[in-house]
Amino acid sequence: MTSARSASRPIRTAHRLRRSAEWGNLAHRKLAEYAEPGKHELWVAKRASLDASMAMLDTLGERYDSRLRGGFPASCGFLSGPNTALPHGLTANRRLREGDVLVTGATANVGGYVSELERTMFLGEPSREDRERFEAMLAAQTTAIEEFGPGVACAHVDGAVHDALADRGFAQYAQHHTGHNIGLEGHERGFIDRGSEEVMEPGHVYSVEPGIYVPGEAGYRHSDTILITDEGTERLTYFPCSLDENVIPVR
């Protein structure tokens, strides 16, 4: 028999992840607000993280359950320009330029739990090549989310994503699997990979982040946090996904 206490754990976990997604969304909006040509990458990321964190602390007050060793409760960052062609590149010592591609990341720590929100954004109007690559990436992510659900094999989802990229001629630019478990750590097993034997079950939480990376040019990746439910899925992160909504106007 399942105790009331154990049965409440998935509910509490989902609640914390929803709150993490909300505060991560605020950090991401601050990032998009502060990004402009001439600004240093670290300045944008740290100011956005600080502002979102102070809003979080001011709102929650003594209710905030800190599980941090320093750092920001809500945080965000990004890669820019050619550095985005590296799936896990490091923040560069560079200033933003009009025409840059940005691959962002935002989260918040709520009771020890973290979500994952990533977007591909453009500082100014994207080129034709940027648009084509972005739409291929978004089609792959949309395919993955549509395939998610209880009883679905992770290998099947990754295979569907590979096929979606292949149909658009971009399979050779994919460098990693479709996603991974997430919750207490930013990256947890198991992985949404064609070699995986894992089957999605209610209560599992995954990132869904297929990306394409053109060497020496740019990378394109969205990531969202998806909860598997008894009926299907719940998308916890909700920053807009479309291309036009991810263009940062240059003033």
Protein backbone atom coordinates (compact mmCIF):
# COMPACT_ATOMS: atom_id res chain seq x y z
CA MET A 1 0.00 0.00 0.00
CA THR A 2 1.25 3.48 -0.83
CA SER A 3 1.35 5.80 2.16
CA ALA A 4 -0.16 9.28 2.02
CA ARG A 5 3.31 10.66 2.62
CA SER A 6 4.94 8.80 -0.28
CA ALA A 7 2.00 9.55 -2.57
CA SER A 8 2.44 13.27 -1.90
CA ARG A 9 6.09 13.32 -3.02
CA PRO A 10 5.39 13.42 -6.79
CA ILE A 11 2.88 16.22 -6.16
CA ARG A 12 5.38 18.27 -4.19
CA THR A 13 8.08 17.61 -6.80
CA ALA A 14 5.85 18.76 -9.66
CA HIS A 15 4.85 21.87 -7.69
CA ARG A 16 8.48 22.82 -7.11
CA LEU A 17 9.36 22.27 -10.75
CA ARG A 18 6.44 24.45 -11.86
CA ARG A 19 7.66 27.24 -9.57
CA SER A 20 11.20 26.74 -10.87
CA ALA A 21 9.91 27.16 -14.41
CA GLU A 22 8.08 30.36 -13.46
CA TRP A 23 11.13 32.03 -11.92
CA GLY A 24 13.37 30.73 -14.69
CA ASN A 25 10.99 32.31 -17.17
CA LEU A 26 11.40 35.67 -15.42
CA ALA A 27 15.20 35.38 -15.55
CA HIS A 28 14.97 34.59 -19.26
CA ARG A 29 12.76 37.59 -19.93
CA LYS A 30 15.27 39.81 -18.14
CA LEU A 31 18.04 38.34 -20.30
CA ALA A 32 16.13 39.19 -23.48
CA GLU A 33 15.47 42.69 -22.13
CA TYR A 34 19.12 43.46 -21.38
CA ALA A 35 20.74 41.87 -24.44
CA GLU A 36 21.81 44.53 -26.96
CA PRO A 37 24.82 45.23 -29.17
CA GLY A 38 27.87 46.35 -27.21
CA LYS A 39 26.84 44.68 -23.94
CA HIS A 40 29.21 42.10 -22.49
CA GLU A 41 27.86 38.54 -22.26
CA LEU A 42 28.59 38.29 -18.55
CA TRP A 43 27.06 41.70 -17.79
CA VAL A 44 23.77 40.69 -19.41
CA ALA A 45 23.65 37.27 -17.74
CA LYS A 46 24.60 38.46 -14.25
CA ARG A 47 22.29 41.48 -14.25
CA ALA A 48 19.34 39.37 -15.42
CA SER A 49 20.12 36.66 -12.85
CA LEU A 50 20.43 39.20 -10.04
CA ASP A 51 17.21 41.04 -10.90
CA ALA A 52 15.19 37.82 -11.17
CA SER A 53 16.71 36.47 -7.95
CA MET A 54 15.90 39.61 -5.99
CA ALA A 55 12.32 39.53 -7.28
CA MET A 56 12.12 35.89 -6.20
CA LEU A 57 13.49 36.58 -2.73
CA ASP A 58 11.35 39.70 -2.25
CA THR A 59 8.23 37.76 -3.23
CA LEU A 60 8.86 34.59 -1.24
CA GLY A 61 10.64 36.08 1.76
CA GLU A 62 11.01 33.55 4.56
CA ARG A 63 9.15 30.96 2.48
CA TYR A 64 12.11 30.57 0.14
CA ASP A 65 13.74 27.20 0.83
CA SER A 66 17.38 27.79 -0.10
CA ARG A 67 19.35 24.74 -1.23
CA LEU A 68 22.25 26.73 -2.60
CA ARG A 69 25.92 27.17 -1.83
CA GLY A 70 26.10 30.73 -3.00
CA GLY A 71 24.98 31.63 -6.47
CA PHE A 72 21.65 33.02 -7.62
CA PRO A 73 18.27 31.44 -6.77
CA ALA A 74 17.19 32.27 -10.33
CA SER A 75 19.84 32.25 -13.02
CA CYS A 76 20.36 32.57 -16.73
CA GLY A 77 23.16 32.73 -19.24
CA PHE A 78 23.88 32.23 -22.91
CA LEU A 79 26.38 31.59 -25.66
CA SER A 80 26.59 33.99 -28.57
CA GLY A 81 27.85 34.17 -32.13
CA PRO A 82 30.06 31.33 -33.45
CA ASN A 83 30.42 30.00 -29.90
CA THR A 84 26.85 28.67 -30.14
CA ALA A 85 28.12 25.98 -32.53
CA LEU A 86 29.48 24.19 -29.44
CA PRO A 87 26.68 22.32 -27.59
CA HIS A 88 28.31 22.98 -24.21
CA GLY A 89 30.52 25.94 -24.96
CA LEU A 90 31.80 28.37 -22.34
CA THR A 91 30.72 31.97 -21.98
CA ALA A 92 33.15 34.03 -24.00
CA ASN A 93 34.88 37.30 -23.15
CA ARG A 94 33.03 39.13 -25.89
CA ARG A 95 30.49 41.86 -26.44
CA LEU A 96 27.28 41.27 -28.34
CA ARG A 97 27.00 42.28 -31.98
CA GLU A 98 24.02 42.85 -34.20
CA GLY A 99 23.27 39.65 -36.10
CA ASP A 100 24.44 37.35 -33.28
CA VAL A 101 22.70 34.06 -32.62
CA LEU A 102 22.14 33.45 -28.90
CA VAL A 103 21.56 30.06 -27.28
CA THR A 104 20.21 30.82 -23.84
CA GLY A 105 19.56 28.91 -20.63
CA ALA A 106 17.50 29.79 -17.56
CA THR A 107 16.39 28.05 -14.37
CA ALA A 108 15.64 28.59 -10.69
CA ASN A 109 16.34 26.51 -7.61
CA VAL A 110 13.13 25.81 -5.69
CA GLY A 111 13.54 23.48 -2.74
CA GLY A 112 16.51 21.83 -4.45
CA TYR A 113 14.67 21.23 -7.74
CA VAL A 114 15.58 22.81 -11.08
CA SER A 115 13.89 23.08 -14.47
CA GLU A 116 15.49 23.81 -17.83
CA LEU A 117 14.50 26.52 -20.28
CA GLU A 118 16.62 27.24 -23.35
CA ARG A 119 15.91 29.25 -26.47
CA THR A 120 17.63 30.19 -29.70
CA MET A 121 17.36 33.95 -30.09
CA PHE A 122 18.58 36.48 -32.62
CA LEU A 123 19.99 39.93 -31.94
CA GLY A 124 18.38 41.73 -34.83
CA GLU A 125 16.86 40.17 -37.92
CA PRO A 126 18.01 36.61 -38.67
CA SER A 127 19.41 35.63 -42.04
CA ARG A 128 17.72 33.24 -44.44
CA GLU A 129 20.09 30.47 -43.31
CA ASP A 130 19.29 31.22 -39.66
CA ARG A 131 15.58 30.96 -40.34
CA GLU A 132 15.90 27.64 -42.16
CA ARG A 133 18.04 26.12 -39.40
CA PHE A 134 15.80 27.48 -36.64
CA GLU A 135 12.68 26.01 -38.23
CA ALA A 136 14.38 22.61 -38.62
CA MET A 137 15.36 22.64 -34.94
CA LEU A 138 11.86 23.69 -33.86
CA ALA A 139 10.27 20.97 -36.00
CA ALA A 140 12.51 18.39 -34.31
CA GLN A 141 11.59 19.60 -30.83
CA THR A 142 7.89 19.71 -31.70
CA THR A 143 8.12 16.14 -33.00
CA ALA A 144 9.74 14.99 -29.75
CA ILE A 145 7.09 16.58 -27.54
CA GLU A 146 4.30 15.12 -29.65
CA GLU A 147 5.80 11.64 -29.20
CA PHE A 148 6.21 11.99 -25.39
CA GLY A 149 3.84 10.10 -23.09
CA PRO A 150 3.46 7.32 -20.54
CA GLY A 151 4.60 3.97 -21.92
CA VAL A 152 6.64 5.53 -24.73
CA ALA A 153 10.19 4.27 -25.23
CA CYS A 154 12.85 6.97 -25.05
CA ALA A 155 14.59 5.32 -28.01
CA HIS A 156 11.45 5.83 -30.10
CA VAL A 157 11.39 9.57 -29.36
CA ASP A 158 15.04 10.02 -30.30
CA GLY A 159 14.48 8.05 -33.49
CA ALA A 160 11.54 10.28 -34.44
CA VAL A 161 13.68 13.37 -33.90
CA HIS A 162 16.47 11.94 -36.08
CA ASP A 163 13.95 11.28 -38.85
CA ALA A 164 12.52 14.82 -38.57
CA LEU A 165 15.98 16.34 -38.94
CA ALA A 166 16.88 13.96 -41.78
CA ASP A 167 13.71 14.95 -43.67
CA ARG A 168 14.93 18.57 -43.62
CA GLY A 169 18.54 17.72 -44.44
CA PHE A 170 20.02 18.54 -41.04
CA ALA A 171 20.66 15.15 -39.42
CA GLN A 172 24.43 15.50 -39.91
CA TYR A 173 24.41 18.60 -37.69
CA ALA A 174 22.89 16.89 -34.64
CA GLN A 175 25.56 16.21 -31.99
CA HIS A 176 23.64 14.81 -29.02
CA HIS A 177 20.54 12.96 -27.88
CA THR A 178 17.09 14.51 -27.59
CA GLY A 179 17.05 15.03 -23.82
CA HIS A 180 17.55 13.69 -20.32
CA ASN A 181 15.92 13.38 -16.92
CA ILE A 182 16.05 16.50 -14.77
CA GLY A 183 15.01 17.49 -11.27
CA LEU A 184 17.52 17.48 -8.44
CA GLU A 185 20.39 17.80 -10.93
CA GLY A 186 20.62 19.63 -14.20
CA HIS A 187 21.46 16.38 -16.01
CA GLU A 188 20.19 13.03 -14.73
CA ARG A 189 19.85 9.57 -16.18
CA GLY A 190 18.15 8.25 -18.23
CA PHE A 191 18.64 9.81 -21.59
CA ILE A 192 16.29 10.16 -24.55
CA ASP A 193 18.61 8.30 -26.86
CA ARG A 194 18.22 5.63 -29.52
CA GLY A 195 20.38 3.33 -27.37
CA SER A 196 18.19 3.76 -24.28
CA GLU A 197 16.04 0.99 -22.81
CA GLU A 198 14.07 3.41 -20.61
CA VAL A 199 10.31 3.77 -20.97
CA MET A 200 8.59 6.99 -19.92
CA GLU A 201 6.37 6.68 -16.86
CA PRO A 202 4.10 9.09 -14.97
CA GLY A 203 6.21 11.26 -12.68
CA HIS A 204 9.27 11.21 -14.94
CA VAL A 205 10.55 14.67 -15.88
CA TYR A 206 12.64 15.27 -19.00
CA SER A 207 14.34 18.05 -20.86
CA VAL A 208 13.58 18.00 -24.57
CA GLU A 209 16.42 19.72 -26.42
CA PRO A 210 17.30 18.48 -29.90
CA GLY A 211 19.79 20.84 -31.49
CA ILE A 212 21.71 21.40 -34.69
CA TYR A 213 25.23 22.82 -34.80
CA VAL A 214 26.92 24.16 -37.91
CA PRO A 215 30.71 24.16 -37.28
CA GLY A 216 32.27 27.61 -37.26
CA GLU A 217 28.90 29.32 -37.77
CA ALA A 218 26.17 28.82 -35.15
CA GLY A 219 24.04 26.41 -33.13
CA TYR A 220 20.28 26.27 -32.67
CA ARG A 221 18.57 24.66 -29.67
CA HIS A 222 15.40 25.05 -27.63
CA SER A 223 14.96 23.14 -24.38
CA ASP A 224 11.77 22.69 -22.39
CA THR A 225 10.98 20.72 -19.24
CA ILE A 226 8.24 18.12 -19.71
CA LEU A 227 6.44 16.16 -16.97
CA ILE A 228 4.99 12.76 -17.88
CA THR A 229 1.49 12.39 -16.43
CA ASP A 230 -1.07 9.57 -16.30
CA GLU A 231 -2.93 11.14 -19.23
CA GLY A 232 0.01 12.36 -21.29
CA THR A 233 2.37 15.27 -20.65
CA GLU A 234 2.56 18.67 -19.00
CA ARG A 235 4.88 21.29 -20.42
CA LEU A 236 6.33 23.13 -17.43
CA THR A 237 8.41 25.79 -19.23
CA TYR A 238 6.52 28.24 -21.38
CA PHE A 239 8.68 30.99 -22.88
CA PRO A 240 7.52 31.52 -26.51
CA CYS A 241 9.05 29.15 -29.06
CA SER A 242 8.41 30.73 -32.46
CA LEU A 243 11.12 32.46 -34.44
CA ASP A 244 9.49 35.89 -34.52
CA GLU A 245 9.01 35.82 -30.75
CA ASN A 246 12.72 35.12 -30.29
CA VAL A 247 14.06 38.05 -32.26
CA ILE A 248 15.47 40.78 -30.02
CA PRO A 249 14.95 44.12 -31.74
CA VAL A 250 18.06 46.27 -32.13
CA ARG A 251 17.31 49.83 -31.07
